[in-house]
Amino acid sequence: MFVCAGESEQFDFAEPIGIGMVDAAIRLTRLCLERRPDEVIFVGTAGSYGRHRIFDIVESTVSTNIETGLFEGKAYTPIDNRIKSGSGVSRETNAIVNSSNYITTNPVLAKRYLEEGIDLENMEFYGVLKTAAALGIPARGIFVVTNYCDTNAHRDFLTNQAKAMTLLTEYIRDTHA
């Protein structure tokens, strides 16, 4: 079953589940209980901390939920903030995708994520993997990079989103038809 965030990121082959980890987890739970899929494949856009270039297509089965306060020594968490799905991917890049309800716009913080081995950020993916794991369903994500995590992140996302979604749609149709 293909799922996506929805709103400005909709695909004709994917079911929208909402923006952010909470909405994505709630709606994905409902869908999985109704449809009982063999696998969940989340498709969407991502920001790059610097390792991947604009319009790269990246697959992942690993996500983290790290807030920048952790890097600044201003926060801690008792939760396991890293999850890996057992789902195989057709083009494993070993990318780790961080999820937060906030978009990184500070290039110094973006470098900190890279130092931790984290490649991309997407708001929903951690919620998708946690939900799928709780329901015993393999899951993975397929992302297209729209921007770098820097001061121009939002502007570049808006500029590149349409082309990125076209490239991602073509990739999905070519590899998952």
N, C-alpha and C. Protein backbone atom coordinates (compact mmCIF):
# COMPACT_ATOMS: atom_id res chain seq x y z
N MET A 1 0.84 -1.17 0.00
CA MET A 1 0.00 0.00 0.00
C MET A 1 0.89 1.24 0.00
N PHE A 2 0.70 2.11 -0.97
CA PHE A 2 1.42 3.37 -1.06
C PHE A 2 0.65 4.44 -0.28
N VAL A 3 1.37 5.23 0.52
CA VAL A 3 0.77 6.33 1.25
C VAL A 3 1.65 7.56 1.07
N CYS A 4 1.05 8.73 1.26
CA CYS A 4 1.76 10.00 1.15
C CYS A 4 1.18 10.97 2.18
N ALA A 5 1.83 12.10 2.35
CA ALA A 5 1.35 13.08 3.32
C ALA A 5 0.00 13.67 2.91
N GLY A 6 -0.14 14.01 1.65
CA GLY A 6 -1.38 14.64 1.19
C GLY A 6 -1.22 16.13 1.06
N GLU A 7 -2.35 16.82 0.97
CA GLU A 7 -2.42 18.26 0.72
C GLU A 7 -1.59 18.61 -0.49
N SER A 8 -0.44 19.28 -0.35
CA SER A 8 0.33 19.67 -1.53
C SER A 8 1.20 18.53 -2.05
N GLU A 9 1.19 17.38 -1.38
CA GLU A 9 1.95 16.21 -1.84
C GLU A 9 1.02 15.02 -2.01
N GLN A 10 0.25 15.05 -3.09
CA GLN A 10 -0.65 13.95 -3.38
C GLN A 10 -0.24 13.27 -4.68
N PHE A 11 -0.43 11.96 -4.70
CA PHE A 11 -0.12 11.15 -5.86
C PHE A 11 -1.34 10.30 -6.16
N ASP A 12 -1.62 10.04 -7.44
CA ASP A 12 -2.80 9.27 -7.78
C ASP A 12 -2.69 7.80 -7.38
N PHE A 13 -1.52 7.34 -7.03
CA PHE A 13 -1.32 5.95 -6.64
C PHE A 13 -1.16 5.77 -5.13
N ALA A 14 -1.25 6.87 -4.36
CA ALA A 14 -1.00 6.80 -2.91
C ALA A 14 -2.16 7.41 -2.13
N GLU A 15 -2.39 6.85 -0.97
CA GLU A 15 -3.44 7.31 -0.06
C GLU A 15 -2.86 8.39 0.87
N PRO A 16 -3.48 9.57 0.95
CA PRO A 16 -2.97 10.60 1.85
C PRO A 16 -3.22 10.23 3.32
N ILE A 17 -2.21 10.49 4.18
CA ILE A 17 -2.36 10.17 5.60
C ILE A 17 -2.17 11.38 6.51
N GLY A 18 -1.80 12.53 6.00
CA GLY A 18 -1.68 13.71 6.82
C GLY A 18 -0.25 14.19 6.99
N ILE A 19 -0.12 15.44 7.36
CA ILE A 19 1.19 16.08 7.52
C ILE A 19 1.63 15.99 8.98
N GLY A 20 2.89 15.64 9.17
CA GLY A 20 3.45 15.52 10.51
C GLY A 20 3.31 14.10 11.06
N MET A 21 4.08 13.80 12.07
CA MET A 21 4.11 12.43 12.62
C MET A 21 2.79 12.01 13.24
N VAL A 22 2.11 12.90 13.94
CA VAL A 22 0.89 12.52 14.65
C VAL A 22 -0.24 12.20 13.69
N ASP A 23 -0.55 13.13 12.78
CA ASP A 23 -1.62 12.88 11.82
C ASP A 23 -1.31 11.65 10.97
N ALA A 24 -0.05 11.51 10.54
CA ALA A 24 0.33 10.36 9.72
C ALA A 24 0.11 9.06 10.49
N ALA A 25 0.48 9.02 11.75
CA ALA A 25 0.32 7.81 12.56
C ALA A 25 -1.15 7.46 12.76
N ILE A 26 -1.97 8.46 13.05
CA ILE A 26 -3.40 8.21 13.28
C ILE A 26 -4.07 7.68 12.02
N ARG A 27 -3.88 8.38 10.92
CA ARG A 27 -4.56 7.97 9.67
C ARG A 27 -3.99 6.67 9.11
N LEU A 28 -2.69 6.46 9.25
CA LEU A 28 -2.11 5.20 8.78
C LEU A 28 -2.63 4.02 9.61
N THR A 29 -2.78 4.20 10.89
CA THR A 29 -3.36 3.14 11.73
C THR A 29 -4.74 2.76 11.23
N ARG A 30 -5.57 3.74 10.99
CA ARG A 30 -6.93 3.47 10.47
C ARG A 30 -6.88 2.71 9.15
N LEU A 31 -6.03 3.18 8.23
CA LEU A 31 -5.93 2.51 6.92
C LEU A 31 -5.45 1.07 7.05
N CYS A 32 -4.45 0.86 7.87
CA CYS A 32 -3.90 -0.50 8.03
C CYS A 32 -4.90 -1.44 8.68
N LEU A 33 -5.67 -0.94 9.63
CA LEU A 33 -6.68 -1.80 10.26
C LEU A 33 -7.81 -2.13 9.29
N GLU A 34 -8.13 -1.21 8.40
CA GLU A 34 -9.19 -1.44 7.40
C GLU A 34 -8.71 -2.34 6.26
N ARG A 35 -7.50 -2.12 5.77
CA ARG A 35 -7.03 -2.79 4.55
C ARG A 35 -6.05 -3.94 4.78
N ARG A 36 -5.40 -4.00 5.90
CA ARG A 36 -4.43 -5.07 6.22
C ARG A 36 -3.39 -5.26 5.11
N PRO A 37 -2.60 -4.22 4.80
CA PRO A 37 -1.61 -4.34 3.71
C PRO A 37 -0.46 -5.26 4.08
N ASP A 38 0.19 -5.83 3.06
CA ASP A 38 1.39 -6.64 3.26
C ASP A 38 2.61 -5.77 3.53
N GLU A 39 2.58 -4.54 3.02
CA GLU A 39 3.69 -3.61 3.17
C GLU A 39 3.16 -2.19 3.04
N VAL A 40 3.80 -1.26 3.72
CA VAL A 40 3.49 0.16 3.60
C VAL A 40 4.69 0.84 2.95
N ILE A 41 4.43 1.59 1.88
CA ILE A 41 5.48 2.35 1.21
C ILE A 41 5.07 3.82 1.24
N PHE A 42 5.81 4.60 2.01
CA PHE A 42 5.56 6.02 2.11
C PHE A 42 6.34 6.73 1.01
N VAL A 43 5.69 7.62 0.28
CA VAL A 43 6.36 8.39 -0.78
C VAL A 43 6.20 9.88 -0.48
N GLY A 44 7.28 10.62 -0.71
CA GLY A 44 7.19 12.05 -0.44
C GLY A 44 8.49 12.77 -0.69
N THR A 45 8.51 14.01 -0.27
CA THR A 45 9.67 14.86 -0.44
C THR A 45 10.51 14.87 0.83
N ALA A 46 11.76 15.29 0.69
CA ALA A 46 12.66 15.38 1.84
C ALA A 46 13.65 16.51 1.63
N GLY A 47 14.11 17.04 2.74
CA GLY A 47 15.21 18.00 2.72
C GLY A 47 16.50 17.25 2.96
N SER A 48 17.57 17.72 2.36
CA SER A 48 18.88 17.08 2.50
C SER A 48 19.75 17.88 3.46
N TYR A 49 20.42 17.16 4.36
CA TYR A 49 21.38 17.81 5.25
C TYR A 49 22.70 18.07 4.52
N GLY A 50 22.82 17.62 3.28
CA GLY A 50 23.99 17.93 2.48
C GLY A 50 24.57 16.78 1.69
N ARG A 51 24.28 15.56 2.07
CA ARG A 51 24.86 14.41 1.38
C ARG A 51 24.16 14.14 0.04
N HIS A 52 22.85 14.33 -0.02
CA HIS A 52 22.10 14.08 -1.25
C HIS A 52 21.76 15.39 -1.94
N ARG A 53 21.70 15.34 -3.27
CA ARG A 53 21.46 16.53 -4.08
C ARG A 53 19.98 16.70 -4.40
N ILE A 54 19.65 17.90 -4.81
CA ILE A 54 18.28 18.20 -5.23
C ILE A 54 17.89 17.24 -6.35
N PHE A 55 16.70 16.68 -6.24
CA PHE A 55 16.07 15.73 -7.17
C PHE A 55 16.62 14.31 -7.09
N ASP A 56 17.53 14.02 -6.15
CA ASP A 56 17.92 12.63 -5.92
C ASP A 56 16.71 11.85 -5.40
N ILE A 57 16.61 10.60 -5.83
CA ILE A 57 15.58 9.70 -5.30
C ILE A 57 16.29 8.78 -4.31
N VAL A 58 15.76 8.72 -3.10
CA VAL A 58 16.41 7.98 -2.02
C VAL A 58 15.38 7.07 -1.35
N GLU A 59 15.77 5.83 -1.13
CA GLU A 59 14.92 4.88 -0.40
C GLU A 59 15.48 4.65 0.99
N SER A 60 14.61 4.36 1.94
CA SER A 60 15.05 4.18 3.31
C SER A 60 14.12 3.26 4.08
N THR A 61 14.70 2.58 5.06
CA THR A 61 13.92 1.80 6.02
C THR A 61 14.27 2.23 7.45
N VAL A 62 14.99 3.35 7.59
CA VAL A 62 15.45 3.79 8.91
C VAL A 62 15.05 5.25 9.14
N SER A 63 14.53 5.52 10.34
CA SER A 63 14.17 6.88 10.67
C SER A 63 14.53 7.19 12.12
N THR A 64 14.78 8.46 12.36
CA THR A 64 15.01 8.95 13.72
C THR A 64 14.01 10.05 14.02
N ASN A 65 13.85 10.33 15.30
CA ASN A 65 13.02 11.44 15.75
C ASN A 65 13.89 12.26 16.71
N ILE A 66 14.71 13.13 16.13
CA ILE A 66 15.64 13.93 16.92
C ILE A 66 15.30 15.41 16.73
N GLU A 67 15.17 16.10 17.84
CA GLU A 67 14.94 17.55 17.82
C GLU A 67 16.28 18.25 18.02
N THR A 68 16.42 19.44 17.49
CA THR A 68 17.70 20.15 17.55
C THR A 68 18.12 20.44 18.99
N GLY A 69 17.20 20.52 19.92
CA GLY A 69 17.55 20.74 21.32
C GLY A 69 18.51 19.69 21.85
N LEU A 70 18.46 18.48 21.30
CA LEU A 70 19.37 17.42 21.71
C LEU A 70 20.82 17.81 21.43
N PHE A 71 21.05 18.38 20.24
CA PHE A 71 22.41 18.78 19.85
C PHE A 71 22.92 19.97 20.67
N GLU A 72 22.00 20.77 21.16
CA GLU A 72 22.37 21.94 21.94
C GLU A 72 22.46 21.64 23.43
N GLY A 73 22.23 20.38 23.82
CA GLY A 73 22.27 20.00 25.22
C GLY A 73 21.11 20.58 26.02
N LYS A 74 20.02 20.89 25.33
CA LYS A 74 18.87 21.51 25.98
C LYS A 74 17.68 20.57 26.08
N ALA A 75 17.88 19.30 25.70
CA ALA A 75 16.76 18.37 25.72
C ALA A 75 17.28 16.94 25.82
N TYR A 76 16.42 16.05 26.27
CA TYR A 76 16.71 14.62 26.27
C TYR A 76 15.38 13.91 26.03
N THR A 77 15.44 12.62 25.76
CA THR A 77 14.22 11.85 25.57
C THR A 77 14.38 10.47 26.17
N PRO A 78 13.32 9.96 26.77
CA PRO A 78 13.35 8.58 27.26
C PRO A 78 12.93 7.57 26.20
N ILE A 79 12.49 8.05 25.04
CA ILE A 79 12.04 7.12 23.99
C ILE A 79 13.20 6.65 23.13
N ASP A 80 13.02 5.50 22.50
CA ASP A 80 13.99 5.04 21.50
C ASP A 80 13.71 5.85 20.24
N ASN A 81 14.58 6.77 19.93
CA ASN A 81 14.29 7.69 18.83
C ASN A 81 14.88 7.26 17.49
N ARG A 82 15.08 5.95 17.32
CA ARG A 82 15.54 5.41 16.04
C ARG A 82 14.78 4.11 15.78
N ILE A 83 14.30 3.95 14.56
CA ILE A 83 13.57 2.75 14.20
C ILE A 83 14.01 2.29 12.82
N LYS A 84 14.06 0.97 12.65
CA LYS A 84 14.40 0.38 11.35
C LYS A 84 13.37 -0.68 11.05
N SER A 85 12.83 -0.62 9.85
CA SER A 85 11.87 -1.64 9.40
C SER A 85 12.62 -2.79 8.77
N GLY A 86 12.05 -3.97 8.85
CA GLY A 86 12.64 -5.15 8.23
C GLY A 86 12.34 -5.25 6.75
N SER A 87 11.61 -4.29 6.21
CA SER A 87 11.23 -4.32 4.81
C SER A 87 12.44 -4.15 3.90
N GLY A 88 12.50 -4.93 2.84
CA GLY A 88 13.57 -4.77 1.85
C GLY A 88 13.27 -3.61 0.95
N VAL A 89 14.29 -3.04 0.36
CA VAL A 89 14.08 -1.96 -0.60
C VAL A 89 14.77 -2.31 -1.90
N SER A 90 14.20 -1.83 -3.00
CA SER A 90 14.75 -2.16 -4.31
C SER A 90 16.05 -1.40 -4.59
N ARG A 91 16.23 -0.27 -3.93
CA ARG A 91 17.42 0.55 -4.14
C ARG A 91 17.87 1.10 -2.79
N GLU A 92 18.39 0.22 -1.94
CA GLU A 92 18.80 0.62 -0.59
C GLU A 92 19.95 1.60 -0.65
N THR A 93 19.76 2.73 -0.05
CA THR A 93 20.83 3.72 0.01
C THR A 93 21.32 3.88 1.43
N ASN A 94 20.74 3.13 2.36
CA ASN A 94 21.08 3.23 3.77
C ASN A 94 20.89 4.64 4.31
N ALA A 95 20.03 5.40 3.69
CA ALA A 95 19.75 6.76 4.16
C ALA A 95 18.97 6.69 5.46
N ILE A 96 19.35 7.53 6.39
CA ILE A 96 18.57 7.69 7.62
C ILE A 96 17.81 8.99 7.49
N VAL A 97 16.51 8.92 7.74
CA VAL A 97 15.62 10.06 7.56
C VAL A 97 15.13 10.52 8.94
N ASN A 98 15.43 11.75 9.29
CA ASN A 98 14.95 12.29 10.56
C ASN A 98 13.57 12.91 10.38
N SER A 99 12.74 12.74 11.38
CA SER A 99 11.41 13.35 11.37
C SER A 99 11.25 14.26 12.57
N SER A 100 10.70 15.41 12.31
CA SER A 100 10.38 16.40 13.33
C SER A 100 9.20 17.18 12.79
N ASN A 101 8.50 17.85 13.65
CA ASN A 101 7.41 18.70 13.17
C ASN A 101 7.92 20.08 12.77
N TYR A 102 9.24 20.23 12.75
CA TYR A 102 9.86 21.48 12.35
C TYR A 102 10.91 21.20 11.27
N ILE A 103 11.05 22.14 10.35
CA ILE A 103 12.00 22.02 9.25
C ILE A 103 13.30 22.73 9.65
N THR A 104 14.42 22.07 9.44
CA THR A 104 15.72 22.65 9.77
C THR A 104 16.08 23.72 8.74
N THR A 105 16.41 24.92 9.23
CA THR A 105 16.82 26.01 8.34
C THR A 105 18.20 26.53 8.70
N ASN A 106 18.86 25.89 9.64
CA ASN A 106 20.17 26.33 10.10
C ASN A 106 21.22 25.36 9.55
N PRO A 107 22.11 25.84 8.65
CA PRO A 107 23.11 24.94 8.05
C PRO A 107 24.09 24.35 9.07
N VAL A 108 24.34 25.03 10.17
CA VAL A 108 25.23 24.48 11.21
C VAL A 108 24.57 23.27 11.85
N LEU A 109 23.26 23.37 12.14
CA LEU A 109 22.54 22.23 12.70
C LEU A 109 22.43 21.10 11.67
N ALA A 110 22.26 21.45 10.41
CA ALA A 110 22.21 20.42 9.37
C ALA A 110 23.50 19.59 9.37
N LYS A 111 24.63 20.25 9.57
CA LYS A 111 25.91 19.53 9.63
C LYS A 111 25.96 18.59 10.83
N ARG A 112 25.31 18.98 11.93
CA ARG A 112 25.27 18.11 13.11
C ARG A 112 24.52 16.82 12.81
N TYR A 113 23.42 16.93 12.05
CA TYR A 113 22.69 15.73 11.66
C TYR A 113 23.58 14.83 10.81
N LEU A 114 24.31 15.43 9.87
CA LEU A 114 25.23 14.65 9.04
C LEU A 114 26.30 13.95 9.88
N GLU A 115 26.82 14.65 10.87
CA GLU A 115 27.81 14.05 11.76
C GLU A 115 27.25 12.84 12.50
N GLU A 116 25.95 12.83 12.72
CA GLU A 116 25.29 11.71 13.38
C GLU A 116 24.89 10.61 12.38
N GLY A 117 25.25 10.80 11.11
CA GLY A 117 24.94 9.81 10.08
C GLY A 117 23.53 9.92 9.52
N ILE A 118 22.87 11.03 9.77
CA ILE A 118 21.50 11.24 9.30
C ILE A 118 21.56 12.06 8.02
N ASP A 119 20.83 11.59 7.00
CA ASP A 119 20.95 12.16 5.66
C ASP A 119 19.88 13.16 5.27
N LEU A 120 18.63 12.86 5.64
CA LEU A 120 17.48 13.61 5.14
C LEU A 120 16.51 13.94 6.27
N GLU A 121 15.58 14.84 5.97
CA GLU A 121 14.47 15.03 6.91
C GLU A 121 13.16 15.04 6.16
N ASN A 122 12.17 14.40 6.78
CA ASN A 122 10.81 14.33 6.28
C ASN A 122 9.91 14.29 7.50
N MET A 123 8.87 15.06 7.54
CA MET A 123 8.06 15.20 8.74
C MET A 123 7.29 13.95 9.15
N GLU A 124 6.96 13.07 8.24
CA GLU A 124 6.06 11.96 8.55
C GLU A 124 6.73 10.61 8.78
N PHE A 125 7.92 10.38 8.26
CA PHE A 125 8.46 9.03 8.12
C PHE A 125 8.61 8.27 9.44
N TYR A 126 9.06 8.92 10.49
CA TYR A 126 9.21 8.25 11.77
C TYR A 126 7.84 7.73 12.25
N GLY A 127 6.81 8.54 12.12
CA GLY A 127 5.46 8.11 12.50
C GLY A 127 4.98 6.94 11.67
N VAL A 128 5.32 6.93 10.39
CA VAL A 128 4.95 5.82 9.50
C VAL A 128 5.63 4.53 9.96
N LEU A 129 6.94 4.58 10.20
CA LEU A 129 7.66 3.37 10.61
C LEU A 129 7.21 2.87 11.98
N LYS A 130 6.97 3.78 12.93
CA LYS A 130 6.51 3.37 14.26
C LYS A 130 5.13 2.71 14.18
N THR A 131 4.25 3.28 13.39
CA THR A 131 2.91 2.71 13.24
C THR A 131 2.97 1.34 12.59
N ALA A 132 3.70 1.24 11.50
CA ALA A 132 3.81 -0.04 10.80
C ALA A 132 4.42 -1.10 11.72
N ALA A 133 5.45 -0.74 12.48
CA ALA A 133 6.09 -1.70 13.40
C ALA A 133 5.09 -2.16 14.46
N ALA A 134 4.32 -1.25 14.99
CA ALA A 134 3.34 -1.60 16.02
C ALA A 134 2.29 -2.57 15.49
N LEU A 135 2.02 -2.47 14.19
CA LEU A 135 1.02 -3.34 13.56
C LEU A 135 1.65 -4.56 12.89
N GLY A 136 2.96 -4.70 12.98
CA GLY A 136 3.64 -5.85 12.40
C GLY A 136 3.70 -5.86 10.88
N ILE A 137 3.77 -4.67 10.29
CA ILE A 137 3.77 -4.53 8.84
C ILE A 137 5.12 -3.96 8.39
N PRO A 138 5.81 -4.60 7.45
CA PRO A 138 7.05 -4.02 6.92
C PRO A 138 6.75 -2.67 6.24
N ALA A 139 7.69 -1.74 6.35
CA ALA A 139 7.48 -0.42 5.76
C ALA A 139 8.80 0.14 5.26
N ARG A 140 8.68 1.05 4.32
CA ARG A 140 9.84 1.75 3.79
C ARG A 140 9.39 3.07 3.21
N GLY A 141 10.35 3.91 2.88
CA GLY A 141 10.04 5.20 2.29
C GLY A 141 10.83 5.41 1.02
N ILE A 142 10.22 6.12 0.11
CA ILE A 142 10.89 6.53 -1.13
C ILE A 142 10.71 8.05 -1.22
N PHE A 143 11.84 8.75 -1.26
CA PHE A 143 11.83 10.20 -1.17
C PHE A 143 12.52 10.84 -2.35
N VAL A 144 12.09 12.04 -2.68
CA VAL A 144 12.79 12.87 -3.64
C VAL A 144 13.23 14.12 -2.90
N VAL A 145 14.47 14.51 -3.09
CA VAL A 145 15.02 15.67 -2.40
C VAL A 145 14.57 16.94 -3.11
N THR A 146 13.99 17.85 -2.33
CA THR A 146 13.50 19.12 -2.88
C THR A 146 14.36 20.31 -2.48
N ASN A 147 15.10 20.17 -1.39
CA ASN A 147 15.83 21.32 -0.85
C ASN A 147 16.95 20.85 0.08
N TYR A 148 17.85 21.77 0.36
CA TYR A 148 18.83 21.56 1.42
C TYR A 148 18.25 22.17 2.69
N CYS A 149 18.69 21.70 3.83
CA CYS A 149 18.24 22.22 5.12
C CYS A 149 19.09 23.43 5.47
N ASP A 150 18.69 24.56 4.92
CA ASP A 150 19.42 25.81 5.12
C ASP A 150 18.44 26.97 5.12
N THR A 151 18.94 28.19 5.10
CA THR A 151 18.06 29.35 5.19
C THR A 151 17.09 29.47 4.01
N ASN A 152 17.38 28.81 2.90
CA ASN A 152 16.51 28.86 1.73
C ASN A 152 15.61 27.62 1.63
N ALA A 153 15.51 26.84 2.67
CA ALA A 153 14.80 25.56 2.62
C ALA A 153 13.37 25.71 2.10
N HIS A 154 12.61 26.62 2.65
CA HIS A 154 11.19 26.73 2.25
C HIS A 154 11.07 27.25 0.83
N ARG A 155 11.85 28.27 0.50
CA ARG A 155 11.81 28.82 -0.86
C ARG A 155 12.17 27.75 -1.89
N ASP A 156 13.25 27.00 -1.62
CA ASP A 156 13.69 25.96 -2.57
C ASP A 156 12.68 24.82 -2.64
N PHE A 157 12.08 24.46 -1.51
CA PHE A 157 11.03 23.44 -1.53
C PHE A 157 9.91 23.86 -2.48
N LEU A 158 9.42 25.08 -2.32
CA LEU A 158 8.33 25.57 -3.17
C LEU A 158 8.74 25.61 -4.64
N THR A 159 9.97 26.03 -4.92
CA THR A 159 10.48 26.12 -6.29
C THR A 159 10.59 24.75 -6.93
N ASN A 160 11.03 23.75 -6.17
CA ASN A 160 11.37 22.44 -6.74
C ASN A 160 10.29 21.37 -6.58
N GLN A 161 9.26 21.65 -5.80
CA GLN A 161 8.29 20.61 -5.46
C GLN A 161 7.59 20.00 -6.68
N ALA A 162 7.10 20.78 -7.60
CA ALA A 162 6.36 20.23 -8.75
C ALA A 162 7.24 19.28 -9.57
N LYS A 163 8.44 19.72 -9.92
CA LYS A 163 9.34 18.86 -10.69
C LYS A 163 9.71 17.61 -9.89
N ALA A 164 9.96 17.78 -8.59
CA ALA A 164 10.34 16.65 -7.74
C ALA A 164 9.23 15.60 -7.71
N MET A 165 8.00 16.04 -7.57
CA MET A 165 6.89 15.09 -7.52
C MET A 165 6.71 14.36 -8.85
N THR A 166 6.96 15.05 -9.96
CA THR A 166 6.92 14.39 -11.27
C THR A 166 8.01 13.33 -11.36
N LEU A 167 9.22 13.66 -10.93
CA LEU A 167 10.31 12.69 -10.96
C LEU A 167 10.02 11.49 -10.06
N LEU A 168 9.46 11.74 -8.89
CA LEU A 168 9.13 10.65 -7.98
C LEU A 168 8.03 9.76 -8.56
N THR A 169 7.04 10.36 -9.16
CA THR A 169 5.97 9.58 -9.80
C THR A 169 6.53 8.70 -10.92
N GLU A 170 7.40 9.26 -11.75
CA GLU A 170 8.02 8.47 -12.83
C GLU A 170 8.85 7.32 -12.26
N TYR A 171 9.60 7.59 -11.20
CA TYR A 171 10.41 6.55 -10.56
C TYR A 171 9.52 5.41 -10.04
N ILE A 172 8.47 5.76 -9.36
CA ILE A 172 7.56 4.74 -8.81
C ILE A 172 6.95 3.92 -9.94
N ARG A 173 6.51 4.57 -10.98
CA ARG A 173 5.89 3.85 -12.10
C ARG A 173 6.91 2.95 -12.80
N ASP A 174 8.16 3.37 -12.90
CA ASP A 174 9.20 2.57 -13.54
C ASP A 174 9.64 1.39 -12.69
N THR A 175 9.65 1.55 -11.38
CA THR A 175 10.21 0.51 -10.50
C THR A 175 9.16 -0.33 -9.78
N HIS A 176 7.92 0.11 -9.75
CA HIS A 176 6.89 -0.60 -8.98
C HIS A 176 5.63 -0.86 -9.80
N ALA A 177 5.76 -0.89 -11.12
CA ALA A 177 4.58 -1.09 -11.97
C ALA A 177 4.09 -2.52 -11.92
